[in-house]
Amino acid sequence: MRWLMLYARSRQVPASLAALLIAAGAVWALARDGGAGPADPRLPVLLLATGAMAASTGLGGQDLALDRTAAIRWAPRRAAHVLLAGAVVAAVPLLARTAGSDMAGAAFLVRDSAGLMGLGALGAALWGGSYAWTLPFAWLSYAFLAPLPTGVPTRVASWMLLPAGTPAATWTAVALTVTGTAAYALAGPRR
């Protein structure tokens, strides 16, 4: 169990979890509208993106040379790290739903969490752990400022704000998750 605690500390898991919980508290306070009207998808997406950005900074270790020369196979551990981080990021708003704050549906939260963590993993593979947050942030910024999705390209670009069950959004999230997780698992974080 000691190696798991050391791994979590080296990947900044406590700080990432604290950032996720603070963001969840802020979004919960903003989302308390008394049940009037449909829920705005931007608030849960903002929470998921904050969690994914916080978790993605821990995708690079303290010493990349040590990670690359270790006697263990890193690919399964890296993939598990990305998938577990995505599960934790999705679990926080799901737990808030059970507490009475109905921000978004479970399918919406799981889809967006997986896609955003895939973006973070791809960012880690391209630019390293310290800049892994840039891809989820850039895509979130575009999705918030983009025009209304009318065609397939704009639906793909604003996938994280579309309702659950939208094929373009679902396939975009799946493609980002698979691509980002595979790139990070096989290549590791960039130096």
Protein backbone atom coordinates (compact mmCIF):
# COMPACT_ATOMS: atom_id res chain seq x y z
CA MET A 1 0.00 0.00 0.00
CA ARG A 2 2.97 2.30 0.55
CA TRP A 3 3.80 2.36 -3.17
CA LEU A 4 0.24 3.47 -3.96
CA MET A 5 0.49 6.39 -1.53
CA LEU A 6 3.87 7.39 -2.95
CA TYR A 7 2.51 7.18 -6.48
CA ALA A 8 -0.52 9.31 -5.55
CA ARG A 9 1.66 11.97 -3.93
CA SER A 10 4.08 12.05 -6.87
CA ARG A 11 1.16 12.54 -9.26
CA GLN A 12 -0.34 15.38 -7.18
CA VAL A 13 -3.54 13.44 -6.46
CA PRO A 14 -4.30 15.18 -3.13
CA ALA A 15 -4.01 18.64 -4.71
CA SER A 16 -6.09 17.57 -7.72
CA LEU A 17 -8.77 16.13 -5.46
CA ALA A 18 -8.84 19.30 -3.38
CA ALA A 19 -9.25 21.43 -6.54
CA LEU A 20 -12.08 19.17 -7.71
CA LEU A 21 -13.90 19.40 -4.37
CA ILE A 22 -13.52 23.19 -4.22
CA ALA A 23 -14.85 23.47 -7.78
CA ALA A 24 -17.75 21.17 -6.88
CA GLY A 25 -18.65 23.39 -3.96
CA ALA A 26 -18.53 26.51 -6.11
CA VAL A 27 -20.62 24.95 -8.88
CA TRP A 28 -23.12 23.59 -6.35
CA ALA A 29 -23.51 27.09 -4.91
CA LEU A 30 -24.02 28.55 -8.40
CA ALA A 31 -26.46 25.82 -9.44
CA ARG A 32 -28.87 26.30 -6.53
CA ASP A 33 -31.76 27.86 -8.41
CA GLY A 34 -34.60 26.21 -6.53
CA GLY A 35 -35.52 23.84 -9.36
CA ALA A 36 -36.83 26.54 -11.70
CA GLY A 37 -36.20 25.65 -15.32
CA PRO A 38 -33.89 23.14 -16.98
CA ALA A 39 -30.35 22.76 -15.78
CA ASP A 40 -27.69 24.68 -17.68
CA PRO A 41 -25.09 22.23 -19.08
CA ARG A 42 -22.30 24.81 -18.76
CA LEU A 43 -22.01 24.49 -14.98
CA PRO A 44 -21.48 20.70 -14.85
CA VAL A 45 -19.14 20.94 -17.85
CA LEU A 46 -17.18 23.63 -16.03
CA LEU A 47 -16.88 21.34 -13.00
CA LEU A 48 -15.81 18.36 -15.12
CA ALA A 49 -13.28 20.44 -17.04
CA THR A 50 -11.83 21.83 -13.81
CA GLY A 51 -11.46 18.31 -12.47
CA ALA A 52 -9.93 17.02 -15.70
CA MET A 53 -7.49 19.93 -15.85
CA ALA A 54 -6.47 19.41 -12.22
CA ALA A 55 -6.03 15.66 -12.72
CA SER A 56 -4.14 16.05 -15.99
CA THR A 57 -1.37 18.07 -14.36
CA GLY A 58 -0.51 14.92 -12.41
CA LEU A 59 -0.04 12.83 -15.52
CA GLY A 60 3.65 13.69 -15.54
CA GLY A 61 5.80 12.46 -12.68
CA GLN A 62 8.49 14.31 -10.77
CA ASP A 63 11.27 12.60 -12.69
CA LEU A 64 10.45 11.54 -16.26
CA ALA A 65 13.76 9.73 -16.68
CA LEU A 66 12.92 7.57 -13.68
CA ASP A 67 9.50 6.80 -15.15
CA ARG A 68 11.02 5.73 -18.44
CA THR A 69 13.70 3.49 -16.93
CA ALA A 70 11.64 1.74 -14.26
CA ALA A 71 11.53 -2.04 -14.30
CA ILE A 72 7.73 -2.11 -14.40
CA ARG A 73 5.43 -1.85 -17.39
CA TRP A 74 4.09 1.68 -17.42
CA ALA A 75 1.52 1.44 -20.21
CA PRO A 76 -1.19 -0.35 -18.17
CA ARG A 77 -0.54 1.88 -15.17
CA ARG A 78 -0.79 5.04 -17.27
CA ALA A 79 -4.04 3.89 -18.88
CA ALA A 80 -5.45 2.98 -15.47
CA HIS A 81 -4.43 6.39 -14.12
CA VAL A 82 -6.32 8.21 -16.88
CA LEU A 83 -9.42 6.02 -16.58
CA LEU A 84 -9.48 6.19 -12.78
CA ALA A 85 -9.06 9.97 -12.85
CA GLY A 86 -11.96 10.21 -15.30
CA ALA A 87 -14.09 8.04 -13.02
CA VAL A 88 -13.32 10.22 -9.99
CA VAL A 89 -14.03 13.41 -11.93
CA ALA A 90 -17.42 11.98 -13.01
CA ALA A 91 -18.19 10.61 -9.53
CA VAL A 92 -18.15 14.00 -7.79
CA PRO A 93 -21.10 15.50 -9.70
CA LEU A 94 -22.85 12.13 -9.59
CA LEU A 95 -22.58 12.22 -5.80
CA ALA A 96 -23.91 15.77 -5.84
CA ARG A 97 -26.92 14.44 -7.77
CA THR A 98 -27.66 11.99 -4.99
CA ALA A 99 -27.48 14.87 -2.52
CA GLY A 100 -30.30 16.61 -4.36
CA SER A 101 -28.49 18.89 -6.80
CA ASP A 102 -29.69 17.78 -10.25
CA MET A 103 -27.08 19.37 -12.51
CA ALA A 104 -26.96 16.85 -15.37
CA GLY A 105 -27.69 13.23 -16.24
CA ALA A 106 -25.30 10.39 -15.53
CA ALA A 107 -24.69 9.62 -19.22
CA PHE A 108 -23.84 13.27 -19.87
CA LEU A 109 -21.40 13.40 -16.93
CA VAL A 110 -19.65 10.13 -17.80
CA ARG A 111 -19.34 11.05 -21.49
CA ASP A 112 -17.90 14.48 -20.81
CA SER A 113 -15.59 13.29 -18.05
CA ALA A 114 -14.14 10.57 -20.27
CA GLY A 115 -13.67 12.92 -23.22
CA LEU A 116 -12.07 15.64 -21.11
CA MET A 117 -9.66 13.20 -19.45
CA GLY A 118 -8.78 11.89 -22.93
CA LEU A 119 -7.95 15.46 -23.92
CA GLY A 120 -5.83 15.87 -20.79
CA ALA A 121 -3.98 12.62 -21.50
CA LEU A 122 -3.37 13.71 -25.08
CA GLY A 123 -2.06 17.03 -23.77
CA ALA A 124 0.31 15.19 -21.45
CA ALA A 125 1.61 13.05 -24.31
CA LEU A 126 2.09 16.11 -26.54
CA TRP A 127 3.36 18.76 -24.10
CA GLY A 128 4.05 17.05 -20.77
CA GLY A 129 2.20 16.99 -17.48
CA SER A 130 2.70 20.64 -16.64
CA TYR A 131 0.88 21.73 -19.83
CA ALA A 132 -1.59 18.85 -20.12
CA TRP A 133 -4.44 21.10 -18.94
CA THR A 134 -4.23 23.28 -22.06
CA LEU A 135 -6.21 21.00 -24.39
CA PRO A 136 -9.26 20.63 -22.09
CA PHE A 137 -9.13 24.36 -21.36
CA ALA A 138 -8.89 25.36 -25.02
CA TRP A 139 -11.73 23.08 -26.08
CA LEU A 140 -13.89 24.24 -23.16
CA SER A 141 -13.24 27.87 -24.08
CA TYR A 142 -14.20 27.23 -27.68
CA ALA A 143 -17.34 25.31 -26.70
CA PHE A 144 -18.49 28.18 -24.46
CA LEU A 145 -17.91 30.81 -27.16
CA ALA A 146 -18.84 28.83 -30.29
CA PRO A 147 -22.00 29.53 -32.26
CA LEU A 148 -24.96 27.21 -31.90
CA PRO A 149 -24.24 23.75 -33.32
CA THR A 150 -26.10 23.35 -36.61
CA GLY A 151 -23.98 20.99 -38.69
CA VAL A 152 -21.85 17.98 -37.85
CA PRO A 153 -18.56 19.95 -37.61
CA THR A 154 -20.04 22.39 -35.11
CA ARG A 155 -21.62 19.53 -33.17
CA VAL A 156 -18.21 17.87 -32.96
CA ALA A 157 -16.64 21.14 -31.85
CA SER A 158 -19.22 21.73 -29.12
CA TRP A 159 -19.63 18.08 -28.10
CA MET A 160 -19.32 18.70 -24.37
CA LEU A 161 -22.42 20.94 -24.21
CA LEU A 162 -24.73 18.72 -26.27
CA PRO A 163 -27.32 16.52 -24.54
CA ALA A 164 -26.59 12.87 -23.79
CA GLY A 165 -27.44 10.58 -26.65
CA THR A 166 -26.29 12.97 -29.39
CA PRO A 167 -24.28 10.73 -31.75
CA ALA A 168 -21.71 13.37 -32.75
CA ALA A 169 -21.00 14.23 -29.11
CA THR A 170 -20.80 10.61 -28.02
CA TRP A 171 -18.45 9.55 -30.82
CA THR A 172 -16.27 12.61 -30.32
CA ALA A 173 -15.92 11.81 -26.61
CA VAL A 174 -15.15 8.15 -27.37
CA ALA A 175 -12.54 9.12 -29.97
CA LEU A 176 -10.88 11.61 -27.61
CA THR A 177 -10.85 9.10 -24.74
CA VAL A 178 -9.37 6.28 -26.80
CA THR A 179 -6.84 8.48 -28.62
CA GLY A 180 -5.69 10.37 -25.54
CA THR A 181 -5.47 7.32 -23.29
CA ALA A 182 -3.61 5.28 -25.92
CA ALA A 183 -1.16 8.09 -26.71
CA TYR A 184 -0.41 8.69 -23.05
CA ALA A 185 -0.22 5.00 -22.15
CA LEU A 186 2.15 4.14 -24.98
CA ALA A 187 4.30 7.28 -25.20
CA GLY A 188 4.06 8.62 -21.66
CA PRO A 189 4.32 12.27 -20.81
CA ARG A 190 6.58 14.42 -22.92
CA ARG A 191 9.71 15.81 -21.29
